[in-house]
Amino acid sequence: MQSVMPPALSAITAAVADVDQRELDVPPGEITDMADMADLRQAWAQIPDPRSPRGRRHPLVVILALVQAAIVSGATSYAAIRHWITEVPQEVLHQIGARRDRRTGLYTAPHPDTVCRTLAQVNATHVDAAYAAHRAGQIVDFYDDPDDLVPMTLDGKTQRGTATSDKPAQHRLGVQLAPDGIVVAQIDVVSKSNEITAFAPLLDQIGCLKNVVISADMMHTQRGHARYLHKRDAFYVFPVGGNQSGLFDQLDALAWNQVPIGWTTYNHGHGHGRTEIRTIQVMPAPPGTRFPHVKQVFLLERHVYDLEWKPLSNVAVLGVTNLTEQLAGPRRLAELVRGEWSIENRDHYVRDVTFGEDRCRVRTGSAPSILAVMRSYAIGALRLLNFTNIAEGTRWARDDFRNPLIALGLTM
């Protein structure tokens, strides 16, 4: 664990610690100001409970809190979640608002079967929207200056464990704060659709996109996406490939050999056994560039060598952006592109290795989608506590049942 918390994260940690204790039984849709979502319990309170009011003994907020806390503690399956819930001490049940038995005076946890059954019934779209509103409401605390660019990177991930003999694996699209690896929003990609059609619905979950810079892979280099972001006062940094062949040919024909290198990064590491050199060349978008609102075009090259300078790989990427030179010069553009390349290690790897997402065989109802968004939230919660090693963070959470509540900001 590092000793110094990044400034962007220390602000939000303080905000979560100071949040007011608000009434939790707010009807769905009652809260419209995202600032009111700073407490995760307020976000959960917006999710409609699918159960009949008759015979309902445990609030949905308590059920979601137990599952989320178990996942922060490293629970990777229903069996692990069930075990964690059966072991929860009285103090923790009191902290999350569990029901108190009038006869014994003890706080009671819902039966694990009730938890699993309820999780499968809750509408995943409402859960995604609640978590997105919660994180989006915190973005203002990440950046002191409202005019700062907010880099976000967008990518999809398949939950391989959800596949069956007659059903493909579930696929989800997510967007995260690029520098910190904090997932802001997620959405299911319908099996008969693709990530392109999920782009706008995903970002619609974030109320304000002003000054947000979206980077993504070549699939999302779409004219419709560019127009959507421009309409919402956001920016894009898109690579250009074969799916935009005309634009690619136009950029590839530019006189890049006459454009000076604007920025170079050099990484020489014995730990990775390789040396990496990245360069970027940037020029104003030539007249007639066939892409909406484009202001600059760029060529980024990455050369990788072993420690004896033997070439291992060479990659060149052409790209477009609607950021002006005043907003983002060569160095800033290089950082924005690299943010998209790092999402595999910062989110996907942790979800699969530390939280066992690809091994998880939960397939009933909405449960796979809800568990996915909870895993991503757990990663973000631990990063906000300055855990750079998420496996270490889950071990810390398991050391004391109160620790997951600290990570989630649920302590009283």
Protein backbone atom coordinates (compact mmCIF):
# COMPACT_ATOMS: atom_id res chain seq x y z
CA MET A 1 0.00 0.00 0.00
CA GLN A 2 1.34 3.41 -0.92
CA SER A 3 1.78 6.02 1.76
CA VAL A 4 0.45 8.98 -0.20
CA MET A 5 -3.06 9.08 -1.60
CA PRO A 6 -3.48 10.69 -5.04
CA PRO A 7 -5.17 14.11 -4.71
CA ALA A 8 -8.08 13.05 -6.88
CA LEU A 9 -8.88 10.21 -4.51
CA SER A 10 -8.26 11.93 -1.18
CA ALA A 11 -11.02 14.47 -1.89
CA ILE A 12 -13.67 11.85 -2.47
CA THR A 13 -12.55 9.82 0.55
CA ALA A 14 -13.10 12.85 2.73
CA ALA A 15 -16.48 13.51 1.11
CA VAL A 16 -17.66 9.97 1.82
CA ALA A 17 -16.43 10.16 5.42
CA ASP A 18 -18.37 13.39 6.04
CA VAL A 19 -21.65 12.38 4.38
CA ASP A 20 -24.83 13.09 6.34
CA GLN A 21 -26.91 10.19 7.56
CA ARG A 22 -30.09 10.63 5.50
CA GLU A 23 -33.39 8.80 5.65
CA LEU A 24 -33.09 5.61 3.60
CA ASP A 25 -36.69 4.79 2.75
CA VAL A 26 -36.96 7.27 -0.12
CA PRO A 27 -39.36 6.15 -2.88
CA PRO A 28 -37.65 5.27 -6.20
CA GLY A 29 -37.19 8.34 -8.36
CA GLU A 30 -37.60 10.78 -5.46
CA ILE A 31 -33.98 11.93 -5.45
CA THR A 32 -33.04 13.88 -8.55
CA ASP A 33 -29.85 15.64 -7.45
CA MET A 34 -26.85 13.40 -7.95
CA ALA A 35 -25.13 15.09 -5.01
CA ASP A 36 -27.71 13.30 -2.85
CA MET A 37 -26.24 9.99 -3.99
CA ALA A 38 -22.96 10.49 -2.10
CA ASP A 39 -24.09 7.86 0.42
CA LEU A 40 -24.30 4.49 -1.28
CA ARG A 41 -27.39 3.64 0.77
CA GLN A 42 -29.22 6.51 -0.90
CA ALA A 43 -28.42 4.99 -4.28
CA TRP A 44 -29.67 1.57 -3.17
CA ALA A 45 -32.87 3.18 -1.87
CA GLN A 46 -33.74 4.18 -5.45
CA ILE A 47 -33.85 0.56 -6.63
CA PRO A 48 -37.40 -0.85 -6.71
CA ASP A 49 -37.88 -3.93 -4.56
CA PRO A 50 -39.40 -6.72 -6.73
CA ARG A 51 -40.75 -8.62 -3.73
CA SER A 52 -44.33 -8.42 -2.54
CA PRO A 53 -44.66 -6.11 0.48
CA ARG A 54 -46.58 -8.87 2.20
CA GLY A 55 -44.19 -10.95 4.25
CA ARG A 56 -41.15 -8.83 3.38
CA ARG A 57 -38.97 -8.86 6.50
CA HIS A 58 -35.64 -7.41 5.37
CA PRO A 59 -35.22 -4.16 3.39
CA LEU A 60 -33.61 -4.42 -0.03
CA VAL A 61 -30.97 -1.90 1.10
CA VAL A 62 -29.81 -4.34 3.79
CA ILE A 63 -29.63 -7.24 1.34
CA LEU A 64 -27.59 -5.23 -1.16
CA ALA A 65 -25.32 -3.94 1.60
CA LEU A 66 -24.55 -7.48 2.78
CA VAL A 67 -23.75 -8.72 -0.72
CA GLN A 68 -21.63 -5.68 -1.54
CA ALA A 69 -19.70 -5.98 1.72
CA ALA A 70 -19.10 -9.69 1.12
CA ILE A 71 -17.69 -8.93 -2.33
CA VAL A 72 -15.38 -6.25 -0.94
CA SER A 73 -14.12 -9.02 1.38
CA GLY A 74 -13.23 -11.11 -1.67
CA ALA A 75 -16.31 -13.36 -1.96
CA THR A 76 -16.18 -14.78 -5.48
CA SER A 77 -19.25 -17.05 -5.51
CA TYR A 78 -22.72 -17.49 -4.02
CA ALA A 79 -21.26 -20.01 -1.57
CA ALA A 80 -18.72 -17.47 -0.32
CA ILE A 81 -21.37 -14.73 -0.09
CA ARG A 82 -23.71 -17.04 1.84
CA HIS A 83 -20.94 -17.97 4.27
CA TRP A 84 -20.01 -14.33 4.88
CA ILE A 85 -23.62 -13.41 5.62
CA THR A 86 -24.05 -16.25 8.13
CA GLU A 87 -20.97 -15.05 10.02
CA VAL A 88 -21.81 -11.33 10.21
CA PRO A 89 -21.59 -10.11 13.83
CA GLN A 90 -24.26 -8.07 15.61
CA GLU A 91 -22.31 -4.82 15.38
CA VAL A 92 -22.14 -4.98 11.60
CA LEU A 93 -25.81 -5.89 11.26
CA HIS A 94 -26.66 -2.87 13.38
CA GLN A 95 -24.44 -0.63 11.22
CA ILE A 96 -26.18 -1.59 7.98
CA GLY A 97 -29.68 -1.22 9.45
CA ALA A 98 -30.66 -4.86 9.78
CA ARG A 99 -33.97 -5.85 11.35
CA ARG A 100 -34.05 -6.28 15.12
CA ASP A 101 -35.99 -9.18 16.59
CA ARG A 102 -38.46 -7.81 19.12
CA ARG A 103 -38.40 -10.98 21.18
CA THR A 104 -34.66 -11.53 21.50
CA GLY A 105 -33.43 -8.00 20.91
CA LEU A 106 -30.87 -9.34 18.42
CA TYR A 107 -30.26 -8.05 14.91
CA THR A 108 -31.05 -10.66 12.29
CA ALA A 109 -29.55 -11.19 8.86
CA PRO A 110 -31.76 -12.36 5.99
CA HIS A 111 -31.46 -16.03 5.18
CA PRO A 112 -28.83 -16.59 2.45
CA ASP A 113 -31.51 -18.22 0.27
CA THR A 114 -33.55 -15.01 0.50
CA VAL A 115 -30.50 -12.97 -0.48
CA CYS A 116 -29.73 -15.09 -3.55
CA ARG A 117 -33.36 -15.26 -4.63
CA THR A 118 -33.84 -11.50 -4.27
CA LEU A 119 -30.64 -10.71 -6.12
CA ALA A 120 -31.87 -12.72 -9.10
CA GLN A 121 -35.19 -10.84 -9.13
CA VAL A 122 -34.00 -7.23 -8.87
CA ASN A 123 -34.01 -5.34 -12.16
CA ALA A 124 -30.36 -5.06 -13.25
CA THR A 125 -31.05 -1.88 -15.23
CA HIS A 126 -32.16 -0.13 -12.05
CA VAL A 127 -29.07 -1.36 -10.19
CA ASP A 128 -26.75 -0.13 -12.95
CA ALA A 129 -28.47 3.25 -12.95
CA ALA A 130 -28.24 3.58 -9.15
CA TYR A 131 -24.52 2.78 -9.03
CA ALA A 132 -23.85 5.09 -11.97
CA ALA A 133 -25.73 7.97 -10.31
CA HIS A 134 -23.76 7.38 -7.12
CA ARG A 135 -20.38 7.51 -8.86
CA ALA A 136 -21.37 10.35 -11.18
CA GLY A 137 -22.44 12.37 -8.16
CA GLN A 138 -18.91 12.00 -6.80
CA ILE A 139 -17.05 13.11 -9.92
CA VAL A 140 -17.21 16.76 -8.87
CA ASP A 141 -15.07 15.82 -5.88
CA PHE A 142 -12.42 14.22 -8.06
CA TYR A 143 -11.60 17.44 -9.91
CA ASP A 144 -11.14 20.77 -8.13
CA ASP A 145 -11.48 22.89 -11.27
CA PRO A 146 -14.83 22.49 -13.10
CA ASP A 147 -13.02 23.30 -16.35
CA ASP A 148 -10.59 20.37 -15.97
CA LEU A 149 -10.83 17.62 -18.54
CA VAL A 150 -12.23 14.40 -17.08
CA PRO A 151 -10.68 11.43 -18.90
CA MET A 152 -12.86 8.34 -19.12
CA THR A 153 -12.21 5.19 -21.06
CA LEU A 154 -14.86 2.81 -22.37
CA ASP A 155 -14.54 -0.91 -22.95
CA GLY A 156 -16.55 -4.13 -22.90
CA LYS A 157 -16.03 -7.38 -21.02
CA THR A 158 -17.53 -10.85 -21.40
CA GLN A 159 -18.53 -12.84 -18.30
CA ARG A 160 -17.44 -16.24 -19.59
CA GLY A 161 -18.89 -18.18 -16.66
CA THR A 162 -22.44 -17.20 -17.64
CA ALA A 163 -22.37 -19.16 -20.90
CA THR A 164 -24.52 -22.28 -21.24
CA SER A 165 -25.01 -24.84 -24.00
CA ASP A 166 -27.87 -22.81 -25.49
CA LYS A 167 -26.97 -19.30 -24.37
CA PRO A 168 -23.90 -17.17 -25.10
CA ALA A 169 -21.90 -15.58 -22.31
CA GLN A 170 -23.19 -12.28 -21.03
CA HIS A 171 -21.35 -9.16 -22.21
CA ARG A 172 -21.23 -5.81 -20.44
CA LEU A 173 -20.00 -2.39 -21.48
CA GLY A 174 -18.44 -0.09 -18.90
CA VAL A 175 -16.81 3.31 -18.59
CA GLN A 176 -14.23 4.25 -15.97
CA LEU A 177 -12.17 7.20 -14.86
CA ALA A 178 -8.97 6.51 -16.76
CA PRO A 179 -6.31 7.78 -14.31
CA ASP A 180 -7.72 6.05 -11.23
CA GLY A 181 -9.44 2.94 -12.61
CA ILE A 182 -12.76 3.84 -10.93
CA VAL A 183 -15.72 2.41 -12.85
CA VAL A 184 -18.45 5.02 -13.25
CA ALA A 185 -21.16 3.15 -15.16
CA GLN A 186 -21.96 -0.25 -16.68
CA ILE A 187 -24.70 -1.71 -18.83
CA ASP A 188 -25.62 -5.09 -20.31
CA VAL A 189 -25.11 -5.53 -24.03
CA VAL A 190 -28.13 -7.38 -25.42
CA SER A 191 -27.13 -10.67 -27.04
CA LYS A 192 -28.66 -9.72 -30.41
CA SER A 193 -27.03 -6.30 -30.35
CA ASN A 194 -23.48 -5.02 -29.85
CA GLU A 195 -21.41 -2.43 -27.96
CA ILE A 196 -22.11 0.25 -30.57
CA THR A 197 -25.81 0.40 -29.77
CA ALA A 198 -25.05 0.36 -26.01
CA PHE A 199 -22.72 3.39 -26.21
CA ALA A 200 -25.34 6.13 -25.76
CA PRO A 201 -27.50 4.27 -23.18
CA LEU A 202 -24.39 3.66 -21.09
CA LEU A 203 -23.35 7.31 -21.07
CA ASP A 204 -26.96 8.43 -20.59
CA GLN A 205 -26.61 7.09 -17.03
CA ILE A 206 -24.13 9.90 -16.32
CA GLY A 207 -26.10 13.10 -15.84
CA CYS A 208 -23.37 15.55 -16.88
CA LEU A 209 -20.66 14.84 -19.44
CA LYS A 210 -19.34 18.39 -19.78
CA ASN A 211 -15.54 18.32 -20.27
CA VAL A 212 -15.48 14.51 -20.14
CA VAL A 213 -13.05 12.99 -22.65
CA ILE A 214 -14.11 9.54 -23.87
CA SER A 215 -11.49 7.20 -25.27
CA ALA A 216 -12.37 3.79 -26.66
CA ASP A 217 -11.25 1.14 -29.11
CA MET A 218 -11.76 1.29 -32.88
CA MET A 219 -15.24 -0.26 -32.70
CA HIS A 220 -16.52 2.98 -31.18
CA THR A 221 -15.00 5.27 -33.79
CA GLN A 222 -18.46 6.05 -35.09
CA ARG A 223 -19.83 9.28 -36.49
CA GLY A 224 -22.96 8.88 -34.39
CA HIS A 225 -20.85 8.58 -31.24
CA ALA A 226 -18.94 11.75 -32.12
CA ARG A 227 -22.18 13.69 -32.65
CA TYR A 228 -23.62 12.34 -29.39
CA LEU A 229 -20.58 13.45 -27.37
CA HIS A 230 -20.47 16.86 -29.04
CA LYS A 231 -24.16 17.37 -28.21
CA ARG A 232 -23.42 16.62 -24.55
CA ASP A 233 -20.42 19.02 -24.39
CA ALA A 234 -18.02 16.09 -24.16
CA PHE A 235 -14.90 15.18 -26.13
CA TYR A 236 -13.59 12.08 -27.85
CA VAL A 237 -10.20 10.56 -28.61
CA PHE A 238 -10.79 7.73 -31.09
CA PRO A 239 -8.38 5.45 -32.96
CA VAL A 240 -9.07 4.98 -36.66
CA GLY A 241 -8.96 1.58 -38.32
CA GLY A 242 -10.60 -0.62 -40.92
CA ASN A 243 -14.16 0.08 -39.81
CA GLN A 244 -13.63 3.65 -41.08
CA SER A 245 -11.66 2.76 -44.19
CA GLY A 246 -12.21 6.06 -45.98
CA LEU A 247 -11.09 8.08 -42.98
CA PHE A 248 -8.16 5.73 -42.40
CA ASP A 249 -6.94 6.14 -46.00
CA GLN A 250 -7.30 9.90 -45.70
CA LEU A 251 -5.21 10.05 -42.51
CA ASP A 252 -2.69 7.48 -43.70
CA ALA A 253 -2.00 9.59 -46.80
CA LEU A 254 -0.99 12.65 -44.76
CA ALA A 255 2.65 13.73 -44.81
CA TRP A 256 3.52 12.38 -41.36
CA ASN A 257 7.22 12.33 -42.24
CA GLN A 258 7.07 16.12 -42.23
CA VAL A 259 5.33 16.38 -38.84
CA PRO A 260 7.70 16.64 -35.86
CA ILE A 261 7.34 14.26 -32.94
CA GLY A 262 5.35 16.15 -30.33
CA TRP A 263 5.98 13.95 -27.31
CA THR A 264 8.02 10.85 -26.42
CA THR A 265 7.80 8.54 -23.43
CA TYR A 266 10.59 6.11 -22.61
CA ASN A 267 10.15 3.23 -20.16
CA HIS A 268 13.11 0.99 -19.42
CA GLY A 269 12.28 -1.66 -16.84
CA HIS A 270 14.21 -4.73 -15.76
CA GLY A 271 11.07 -5.91 -13.94
CA HIS A 272 9.22 -6.35 -17.24
CA GLY A 273 12.30 -7.33 -19.20
CA ARG A 274 11.66 -4.81 -21.95
CA THR A 275 12.04 -1.24 -23.07
CA GLU A 276 9.10 0.70 -24.47
CA ILE A 277 9.24 3.91 -26.48
CA ARG A 278 6.06 5.79 -27.42
CA THR A 279 5.92 8.75 -29.76
CA ILE A 280 3.03 10.90 -30.94
CA GLN A 281 2.74 13.29 -33.88
CA VAL A 282 -0.19 15.69 -33.98
CA MET A 283 -1.52 18.10 -36.59
CA PRO A 284 -4.69 20.16 -37.06
CA ALA A 285 -7.37 18.22 -38.89
CA PRO A 286 -6.98 18.98 -42.61
CA PRO A 287 -9.98 20.57 -44.37
CA GLY A 288 -12.40 17.93 -45.53
CA THR A 289 -11.54 15.38 -42.83
CA ARG A 290 -14.50 13.04 -42.92
CA PHE A 291 -15.45 12.87 -39.26
CA PRO A 292 -17.82 15.08 -37.21
CA HIS A 293 -16.37 17.97 -35.18
CA VAL A 294 -12.77 16.75 -35.54
CA LYS A 295 -10.13 19.32 -34.55
CA GLN A 296 -6.86 17.36 -34.49
CA VAL A 297 -5.50 14.12 -35.95
CA PHE A 298 -2.60 12.12 -34.61
CA LEU A 299 -0.21 9.24 -35.25
CA LEU A 300 0.93 7.33 -32.17
CA GLU A 301 3.68 4.71 -32.42
CA ARG A 302 4.79 2.22 -29.81
CA HIS A 303 8.09 0.37 -30.14
CA VAL A 304 8.95 -2.44 -27.72
CA TYR A 305 12.44 -3.93 -27.35
CA ASP A 306 14.00 -6.50 -25.07
CA LEU A 307 16.81 -5.43 -22.73
CA GLU A 308 19.34 -5.98 -25.52
CA TRP A 309 17.37 -3.73 -27.91
CA LYS A 310 16.03 -6.54 -30.03
CA PRO A 311 12.65 -5.41 -31.48
CA LEU A 312 9.68 -7.24 -29.99
CA SER A 313 6.76 -5.31 -31.47
CA ASN A 314 5.90 -2.12 -33.33
CA VAL A 315 2.41 -0.65 -33.32
CA ALA A 316 1.17 2.46 -35.12
CA VAL A 317 -2.24 3.99 -34.42
CA LEU A 318 -3.94 6.79 -36.31
CA GLY A 319 -6.57 8.79 -34.46
CA VAL A 320 -8.96 11.73 -34.34
CA THR A 321 -10.16 14.05 -31.59
CA ASN A 322 -12.44 17.04 -31.20
CA LEU A 323 -10.10 18.50 -28.58
CA THR A 324 -8.39 21.67 -29.73
CA GLU A 325 -4.67 22.19 -29.39
CA GLN A 326 -5.33 24.62 -26.53
CA LEU A 327 -7.20 21.92 -24.59
CA ALA A 328 -4.89 19.00 -25.35
CA GLY A 329 -1.46 19.11 -26.90
CA PRO A 330 0.65 16.08 -27.89
CA ARG A 331 1.54 15.07 -24.34
CA ARG A 332 -2.06 15.16 -23.14
CA LEU A 333 -3.31 13.24 -26.16
CA ALA A 334 -0.68 10.55 -25.58
CA GLU A 335 -1.88 10.20 -21.98
CA LEU A 336 -5.51 9.93 -23.07
CA VAL A 337 -4.77 7.19 -25.60
CA ARG A 338 -2.72 5.24 -23.07
CA GLY A 339 -5.64 5.34 -20.63
CA GLU A 340 -7.72 3.23 -23.02
CA TRP A 341 -4.88 0.73 -23.45
CA SER A 342 -4.56 0.19 -19.68
CA ILE A 343 -8.16 -0.83 -18.95
CA GLU A 344 -7.43 -4.54 -19.40
CA ASN A 345 -4.98 -4.56 -16.47
CA ARG A 346 -6.76 -2.04 -14.25
CA ASP A 347 -10.24 -3.58 -14.37
CA HIS A 348 -10.61 -6.77 -16.37
CA TYR A 349 -7.60 -8.59 -14.91
CA VAL A 350 -8.60 -7.78 -11.33
CA ARG A 351 -12.21 -8.86 -11.87
CA ASP A 352 -11.11 -12.19 -13.36
CA VAL A 353 -8.13 -13.03 -11.13
CA THR A 354 -8.97 -11.46 -7.75
CA PHE A 355 -12.77 -11.75 -7.91
CA GLY A 356 -12.99 -14.84 -10.14
CA GLU A 357 -15.58 -13.35 -12.50
CA ASP A 358 -14.89 -15.72 -15.39
CA ARG A 359 -15.05 -18.71 -13.02
CA CYS A 360 -18.33 -17.63 -11.42
CA ARG A 361 -21.21 -19.87 -12.51
CA VAL A 362 -24.05 -17.69 -11.22
CA ARG A 363 -26.50 -17.48 -14.13
CA THR A 364 -29.95 -16.93 -12.63
CA GLY A 365 -31.94 -13.84 -13.55
CA SER A 366 -30.26 -10.50 -12.92
CA ALA A 367 -27.66 -11.87 -10.52
CA PRO A 368 -24.72 -12.04 -13.00
CA SER A 369 -25.16 -8.38 -13.97
CA ILE A 370 -25.58 -7.20 -10.38
CA LEU A 371 -22.56 -9.14 -9.16
CA ALA A 372 -20.51 -7.64 -12.02
CA VAL A 373 -21.33 -4.05 -11.10
CA MET A 374 -20.68 -4.84 -7.43
CA ARG A 375 -17.25 -6.29 -8.24
CA SER A 376 -16.30 -3.16 -10.13
CA TYR A 377 -17.59 -1.01 -7.29
CA ALA A 378 -15.55 -3.04 -4.79
CA ILE A 379 -12.41 -2.43 -6.82
CA GLY A 380 -13.09 1.30 -6.85
CA ALA A 381 -13.87 1.38 -3.12
CA LEU A 382 -10.56 -0.29 -2.29
CA ARG A 383 -8.65 2.02 -4.63
CA LEU A 384 -10.19 4.98 -2.82
CA LEU A 385 -8.55 3.60 0.32
CA ASN A 386 -5.26 3.66 -1.62
CA PHE A 387 -4.94 -0.07 -2.19
CA THR A 388 -2.98 -0.44 -5.40
CA ASN A 389 -3.03 -4.22 -4.93
CA ILE A 390 -6.71 -5.18 -4.81
CA ALA A 391 -5.99 -8.70 -3.55
CA GLU A 392 -4.27 -7.10 -0.58
CA GLY A 393 -7.32 -4.90 -0.10
CA THR A 394 -9.68 -7.89 0.05
CA ARG A 395 -7.42 -9.54 2.62
CA TRP A 396 -7.60 -6.37 4.72
CA ALA A 397 -11.39 -6.41 4.40
CA ARG A 398 -11.52 -10.03 5.60
CA ASP A 399 -9.46 -9.24 8.70
CA ASP A 400 -12.40 -7.47 10.36
CA PHE A 401 -16.10 -7.51 9.45
CA ARG A 402 -16.17 -3.75 10.00
CA ASN A 403 -13.55 -3.07 7.32
CA PRO A 404 -15.87 -3.56 4.32
CA LEU A 405 -18.23 -0.99 5.86
CA ILE A 406 -15.32 1.45 6.10
CA ALA A 407 -14.52 0.85 2.43
CA LEU A 408 -18.17 1.43 1.46
CA GLY A 409 -18.69 4.48 3.66
CA LEU A 410 -21.42 2.71 5.63
CA THR A 411 -20.12 3.34 9.13
CA MET A 412 -22.24 5.48 11.44
